[in-house]
Amino acid sequence: TVFGDSGTATAPMVMAISEKVWSQLPADLQKLFNDEAKNLSHGQGGWDRDANERNIKLIGEKGGTVTRLTDAEIKVWADAFAAQREAYIDQLIADGHTEARKVYDALQAKLAG
């Protein structure tokens, strides 16, 4: 089953640094981090998409069936998973990861583009 344009799976790569540490870095290091984050994003994203498409092609060649979900079908799946996702975020916060909601929301906003 293919879940939208991202394919069967993705391997998100995240570079995270606290605002406190970030603000203490010199401008040239901040630029280096920003530039490399963009490079990694483009490189890794392309690799994931290419790998997914190769895998999907191979499944078809071997006689398997690939189902590409519509946006409406993806929404049904996402809505059904919402309770588990929220419970996981709540658990992260309870475990001391107090920024978990903020990080999740920021990632969702970034993905929404």
N, C-alpha and C. Protein backbone atom coordinates (compact mmCIF):
# COMPACT_ATOMS: atom_id res chain seq x y z
N THR A 1 0.85 -1.18 0.00
CA THR A 1 0.00 0.00 0.00
C THR A 1 0.89 1.23 0.00
N VAL A 2 0.59 2.17 -0.85
CA VAL A 2 1.36 3.40 -0.96
C VAL A 2 0.54 4.53 -0.36
N PHE A 3 1.12 5.20 0.61
CA PHE A 3 0.45 6.30 1.31
C PHE A 3 0.88 7.63 0.70
N GLY A 4 0.25 8.02 -0.39
CA GLY A 4 0.52 9.32 -0.99
C GLY A 4 1.86 9.39 -1.70
N ASP A 5 2.32 10.60 -1.94
CA ASP A 5 3.55 10.82 -2.70
C ASP A 5 4.79 10.33 -1.99
N SER A 6 4.75 10.22 -0.67
CA SER A 6 5.95 9.81 0.05
C SER A 6 6.21 8.32 -0.09
N GLY A 7 5.25 7.57 -0.57
CA GLY A 7 5.48 6.17 -0.84
C GLY A 7 5.15 5.25 0.31
N THR A 8 5.85 4.13 0.33
CA THR A 8 5.56 3.10 1.32
C THR A 8 6.20 3.39 2.66
N ALA A 9 7.27 4.14 2.64
CA ALA A 9 7.97 4.47 3.88
C ALA A 9 8.87 5.67 3.63
N THR A 10 9.17 6.37 4.67
CA THR A 10 10.15 7.45 4.58
C THR A 10 11.09 7.33 5.76
N ALA A 11 12.25 7.87 5.59
CA ALA A 11 13.25 7.87 6.66
C ALA A 11 13.58 9.32 6.99
N PRO A 12 12.77 9.94 7.84
CA PRO A 12 13.02 11.34 8.12
C PRO A 12 14.37 11.56 8.78
N MET A 13 15.03 12.59 8.34
CA MET A 13 16.30 12.98 8.95
C MET A 13 16.08 14.34 9.59
N VAL A 14 16.40 14.43 10.85
CA VAL A 14 16.16 15.66 11.58
C VAL A 14 17.45 16.13 12.22
N MET A 15 17.75 17.40 12.00
CA MET A 15 18.83 18.04 12.75
C MET A 15 18.13 18.98 13.72
N ALA A 16 18.30 18.74 14.99
CA ALA A 16 17.64 19.56 15.99
C ALA A 16 18.67 20.15 16.94
N ILE A 17 18.46 21.39 17.27
CA ILE A 17 19.36 22.07 18.19
C ILE A 17 18.51 23.08 18.97
N SER A 18 18.78 23.22 20.23
CA SER A 18 17.98 24.12 21.05
C SER A 18 18.23 25.57 20.65
N GLU A 19 17.22 26.40 20.88
CA GLU A 19 17.38 27.83 20.58
C GLU A 19 18.52 28.43 21.39
N LYS A 20 18.67 27.96 22.62
CA LYS A 20 19.74 28.48 23.49
C LYS A 20 21.11 28.22 22.87
N VAL A 21 21.33 26.99 22.43
CA VAL A 21 22.62 26.65 21.81
C VAL A 21 22.75 27.35 20.46
N TRP A 22 21.67 27.34 19.68
CA TRP A 22 21.70 27.96 18.35
C TRP A 22 22.12 29.43 18.44
N SER A 23 21.53 30.13 19.38
CA SER A 23 21.82 31.57 19.50
C SER A 23 23.26 31.84 19.91
N GLN A 24 23.92 30.84 20.47
CA GLN A 24 25.32 31.00 20.88
C GLN A 24 26.31 30.63 19.77
N LEU A 25 25.81 30.03 18.70
CA LEU A 25 26.70 29.67 17.60
C LEU A 25 27.04 30.90 16.76
N PRO A 26 28.26 30.97 16.28
CA PRO A 26 28.60 32.08 15.38
C PRO A 26 27.82 31.96 14.07
N ALA A 27 27.65 33.07 13.39
CA ALA A 27 26.85 33.11 12.17
C ALA A 27 27.35 32.13 11.11
N ASP A 28 28.67 31.95 11.01
CA ASP A 28 29.19 31.04 9.98
C ASP A 28 28.79 29.59 10.26
N LEU A 29 28.73 29.20 11.53
CA LEU A 29 28.29 27.84 11.85
C LEU A 29 26.79 27.68 11.65
N GLN A 30 26.02 28.72 11.97
CA GLN A 30 24.59 28.66 11.71
C GLN A 30 24.34 28.49 10.21
N LYS A 31 25.09 29.22 9.40
CA LYS A 31 24.95 29.11 7.95
C LYS A 31 25.32 27.70 7.49
N LEU A 32 26.38 27.15 8.05
CA LEU A 32 26.80 25.79 7.69
C LEU A 32 25.68 24.79 8.00
N PHE A 33 25.11 24.87 9.19
CA PHE A 33 24.01 23.98 9.55
C PHE A 33 22.83 24.15 8.59
N ASN A 34 22.45 25.38 8.32
CA ASN A 34 21.32 25.63 7.42
C ASN A 34 21.58 25.10 6.02
N ASP A 35 22.78 25.34 5.51
CA ASP A 35 23.11 24.86 4.17
C ASP A 35 23.11 23.33 4.11
N GLU A 36 23.70 22.70 5.10
CA GLU A 36 23.76 21.24 5.11
C GLU A 36 22.38 20.62 5.31
N ALA A 37 21.54 21.26 6.09
CA ALA A 37 20.17 20.75 6.28
C ALA A 37 19.45 20.74 4.93
N LYS A 38 19.61 21.79 4.15
CA LYS A 38 18.98 21.84 2.82
C LYS A 38 19.55 20.74 1.92
N ASN A 39 20.87 20.58 1.94
CA ASN A 39 21.49 19.54 1.11
C ASN A 39 20.98 18.15 1.50
N LEU A 40 20.93 17.87 2.79
CA LEU A 40 20.45 16.57 3.25
C LEU A 40 18.99 16.36 2.88
N SER A 41 18.21 17.39 3.03
CA SER A 41 16.78 17.29 2.72
C SER A 41 16.57 16.90 1.27
N HIS A 42 17.24 17.58 0.38
CA HIS A 42 17.07 17.28 -1.05
C HIS A 42 17.64 15.91 -1.40
N GLY A 43 18.79 15.60 -0.87
CA GLY A 43 19.42 14.31 -1.19
C GLY A 43 18.66 13.13 -0.63
N GLN A 44 18.31 13.19 0.64
CA GLN A 44 17.61 12.08 1.28
C GLN A 44 16.21 11.92 0.72
N GLY A 45 15.53 13.04 0.51
CA GLY A 45 14.17 12.96 -0.04
C GLY A 45 14.15 12.28 -1.40
N GLY A 46 15.10 12.63 -2.24
CA GLY A 46 15.18 12.01 -3.56
C GLY A 46 15.50 10.53 -3.46
N TRP A 47 16.39 10.19 -2.55
CA TRP A 47 16.76 8.78 -2.38
C TRP A 47 15.54 7.98 -1.93
N ASP A 48 14.79 8.50 -0.95
CA ASP A 48 13.60 7.79 -0.47
C ASP A 48 12.60 7.58 -1.60
N ARG A 49 12.32 8.63 -2.35
CA ARG A 49 11.34 8.50 -3.44
C ARG A 49 11.82 7.49 -4.47
N ASP A 50 13.09 7.57 -4.84
CA ASP A 50 13.63 6.65 -5.84
C ASP A 50 13.58 5.20 -5.33
N ALA A 51 13.97 5.01 -4.08
CA ALA A 51 13.95 3.66 -3.50
C ALA A 51 12.52 3.12 -3.46
N ASN A 52 11.57 3.96 -3.07
CA ASN A 52 10.17 3.53 -3.04
C ASN A 52 9.69 3.13 -4.42
N GLU A 53 10.00 3.94 -5.41
CA GLU A 53 9.54 3.62 -6.77
C GLU A 53 10.20 2.34 -7.28
N ARG A 54 11.49 2.14 -6.98
CA ARG A 54 12.14 0.88 -7.38
C ARG A 54 11.47 -0.31 -6.71
N ASN A 55 11.18 -0.17 -5.42
CA ASN A 55 10.53 -1.27 -4.69
C ASN A 55 9.13 -1.55 -5.24
N ILE A 56 8.39 -0.51 -5.53
CA ILE A 56 7.04 -0.68 -6.08
C ILE A 56 7.11 -1.36 -7.44
N LYS A 57 8.06 -0.95 -8.26
CA LYS A 57 8.23 -1.58 -9.58
C LYS A 57 8.57 -3.06 -9.43
N LEU A 58 9.46 -3.37 -8.51
CA LEU A 58 9.87 -4.76 -8.28
C LEU A 58 8.70 -5.61 -7.79
N ILE A 59 7.88 -5.05 -6.92
CA ILE A 59 6.70 -5.78 -6.45
C ILE A 59 5.82 -6.15 -7.63
N GLY A 60 5.59 -5.18 -8.52
CA GLY A 60 4.78 -5.45 -9.71
C GLY A 60 5.41 -6.49 -10.62
N GLU A 61 6.72 -6.39 -10.81
CA GLU A 61 7.43 -7.36 -11.66
C GLU A 61 7.35 -8.77 -11.10
N LYS A 62 7.28 -8.89 -9.79
CA LYS A 62 7.21 -10.20 -9.15
C LYS A 62 5.77 -10.70 -9.00
N GLY A 63 4.83 -9.95 -9.57
CA GLY A 63 3.43 -10.38 -9.55
C GLY A 63 2.63 -9.88 -8.37
N GLY A 64 3.23 -9.02 -7.57
CA GLY A 64 2.51 -8.47 -6.42
C GLY A 64 1.57 -7.36 -6.83
N THR A 65 0.72 -6.99 -5.93
CA THR A 65 -0.24 -5.92 -6.17
C THR A 65 0.12 -4.72 -5.30
N VAL A 66 0.15 -3.57 -5.92
CA VAL A 66 0.42 -2.33 -5.20
C VAL A 66 -0.85 -1.49 -5.23
N THR A 67 -1.29 -1.09 -4.08
CA THR A 67 -2.48 -0.25 -3.97
C THR A 67 -2.04 1.16 -3.62
N ARG A 68 -2.40 2.11 -4.45
CA ARG A 68 -2.09 3.52 -4.18
C ARG A 68 -3.33 4.16 -3.58
N LEU A 69 -3.21 4.57 -2.34
CA LEU A 69 -4.35 5.16 -1.64
C LEU A 69 -4.64 6.56 -2.16
N THR A 70 -5.91 6.89 -2.22
CA THR A 70 -6.32 8.25 -2.57
C THR A 70 -6.13 9.14 -1.34
N ASP A 71 -6.20 10.44 -1.55
CA ASP A 71 -6.12 11.36 -0.41
C ASP A 71 -7.21 11.08 0.61
N ALA A 72 -8.40 10.75 0.14
CA ALA A 72 -9.51 10.45 1.06
C ALA A 72 -9.21 9.19 1.88
N GLU A 73 -8.62 8.18 1.25
CA GLU A 73 -8.28 6.95 1.97
C GLU A 73 -7.15 7.20 2.97
N ILE A 74 -6.20 8.03 2.60
CA ILE A 74 -5.12 8.37 3.53
C ILE A 74 -5.69 9.09 4.75
N LYS A 75 -6.66 9.97 4.52
CA LYS A 75 -7.27 10.70 5.64
C LYS A 75 -7.98 9.74 6.59
N VAL A 76 -8.67 8.74 6.06
CA VAL A 76 -9.33 7.75 6.91
C VAL A 76 -8.29 7.06 7.79
N TRP A 77 -7.18 6.66 7.20
CA TRP A 77 -6.11 6.00 7.96
C TRP A 77 -5.54 6.94 9.01
N ALA A 78 -5.25 8.18 8.62
CA ALA A 78 -4.67 9.15 9.55
C ALA A 78 -5.63 9.44 10.71
N ASP A 79 -6.91 9.58 10.39
CA ASP A 79 -7.90 9.84 11.45
C ASP A 79 -7.99 8.66 12.42
N ALA A 80 -7.92 7.44 11.88
CA ALA A 80 -7.99 6.26 12.73
C ALA A 80 -6.77 6.14 13.64
N PHE A 81 -5.66 6.66 13.19
CA PHE A 81 -4.41 6.59 13.94
C PHE A 81 -4.25 7.76 14.92
N ALA A 82 -5.11 8.74 14.85
CA ALA A 82 -4.96 9.97 15.64
C ALA A 82 -4.86 9.71 17.14
N ALA A 83 -5.67 8.82 17.66
CA ALA A 83 -5.64 8.56 19.11
C ALA A 83 -4.29 8.00 19.55
N GLN A 84 -3.72 7.09 18.77
CA GLN A 84 -2.41 6.53 19.10
C GLN A 84 -1.32 7.61 19.02
N ARG A 85 -1.40 8.43 17.98
CA ARG A 85 -0.41 9.51 17.81
C ARG A 85 -0.46 10.47 18.99
N GLU A 86 -1.66 10.87 19.36
CA GLU A 86 -1.81 11.82 20.47
C GLU A 86 -1.34 11.21 21.79
N ALA A 87 -1.64 9.93 21.99
CA ALA A 87 -1.19 9.25 23.21
C ALA A 87 0.33 9.20 23.26
N TYR A 88 0.96 8.97 22.12
CA TYR A 88 2.42 8.92 22.06
C TYR A 88 3.02 10.29 22.38
N ILE A 89 2.45 11.33 21.82
CA ILE A 89 2.94 12.68 22.10
C ILE A 89 2.75 13.00 23.59
N ASP A 90 1.60 12.64 24.14
CA ASP A 90 1.36 12.86 25.58
C ASP A 90 2.39 12.10 26.42
N GLN A 91 2.73 10.88 26.01
CA GLN A 91 3.71 10.09 26.76
C GLN A 91 5.09 10.73 26.68
N LEU A 92 5.45 11.22 25.51
CA LEU A 92 6.73 11.92 25.37
C LEU A 92 6.80 13.11 26.33
N ILE A 93 5.73 13.87 26.38
CA ILE A 93 5.69 15.04 27.27
C ILE A 93 5.79 14.59 28.72
N ALA A 94 5.06 13.54 29.08
CA ALA A 94 5.11 13.01 30.45
C ALA A 94 6.51 12.51 30.81
N ASP A 95 7.24 12.03 29.80
CA ASP A 95 8.60 11.54 30.02
C ASP A 95 9.63 12.66 30.05
N GLY A 96 9.16 13.90 29.94
CA GLY A 96 10.08 15.02 30.05
C GLY A 96 10.43 15.71 28.75
N HIS A 97 9.90 15.22 27.66
CA HIS A 97 10.15 15.85 26.36
C HIS A 97 9.07 16.92 26.14
N THR A 98 9.22 18.00 26.87
CA THR A 98 8.15 19.00 26.97
C THR A 98 7.86 19.72 25.66
N GLU A 99 8.75 19.64 24.71
CA GLU A 99 8.56 20.32 23.42
C GLU A 99 7.97 19.39 22.36
N ALA A 100 7.57 18.19 22.74
CA ALA A 100 7.11 17.20 21.76
C ALA A 100 5.95 17.73 20.91
N ARG A 101 4.98 18.36 21.52
CA ARG A 101 3.84 18.89 20.76
C ARG A 101 4.30 19.97 19.80
N LYS A 102 5.16 20.85 20.28
CA LYS A 102 5.66 21.94 19.44
C LYS A 102 6.44 21.38 18.25
N VAL A 103 7.26 20.38 18.48
CA VAL A 103 8.04 19.77 17.40
C VAL A 103 7.11 19.10 16.40
N TYR A 104 6.15 18.34 16.89
CA TYR A 104 5.20 17.67 16.00
C TYR A 104 4.45 18.68 15.14
N ASP A 105 3.93 19.72 15.79
CA ASP A 105 3.17 20.73 15.06
C ASP A 105 4.03 21.44 14.02
N ALA A 106 5.28 21.72 14.36
CA ALA A 106 6.19 22.38 13.41
C ALA A 106 6.46 21.48 12.21
N LEU A 107 6.66 20.19 12.47
CA LEU A 107 6.88 19.25 11.36
C LEU A 107 5.66 19.14 10.47
N GLN A 108 4.48 19.11 11.07
CA GLN A 108 3.26 19.05 10.28
C GLN A 108 3.10 20.30 9.41
N ALA A 109 3.42 21.45 9.98
CA ALA A 109 3.33 22.70 9.21
C ALA A 109 4.32 22.68 8.05
N LYS A 110 5.51 22.17 8.31
CA LYS A 110 6.54 22.09 7.26
C LYS A 110 6.08 21.14 6.15
N LEU A 111 5.52 20.00 6.53
CA LEU A 111 5.06 19.04 5.53
C LEU A 111 3.89 19.58 4.71
N ALA A 112 3.07 20.39 5.35
CA ALA A 112 1.92 20.97 4.65
C ALA A 112 2.38 21.99 3.61
N GLY A 113 3.61 22.47 3.81
CA GLY A 113 4.27 23.33 2.85
C GLY A 113 3.76 24.67 2.70
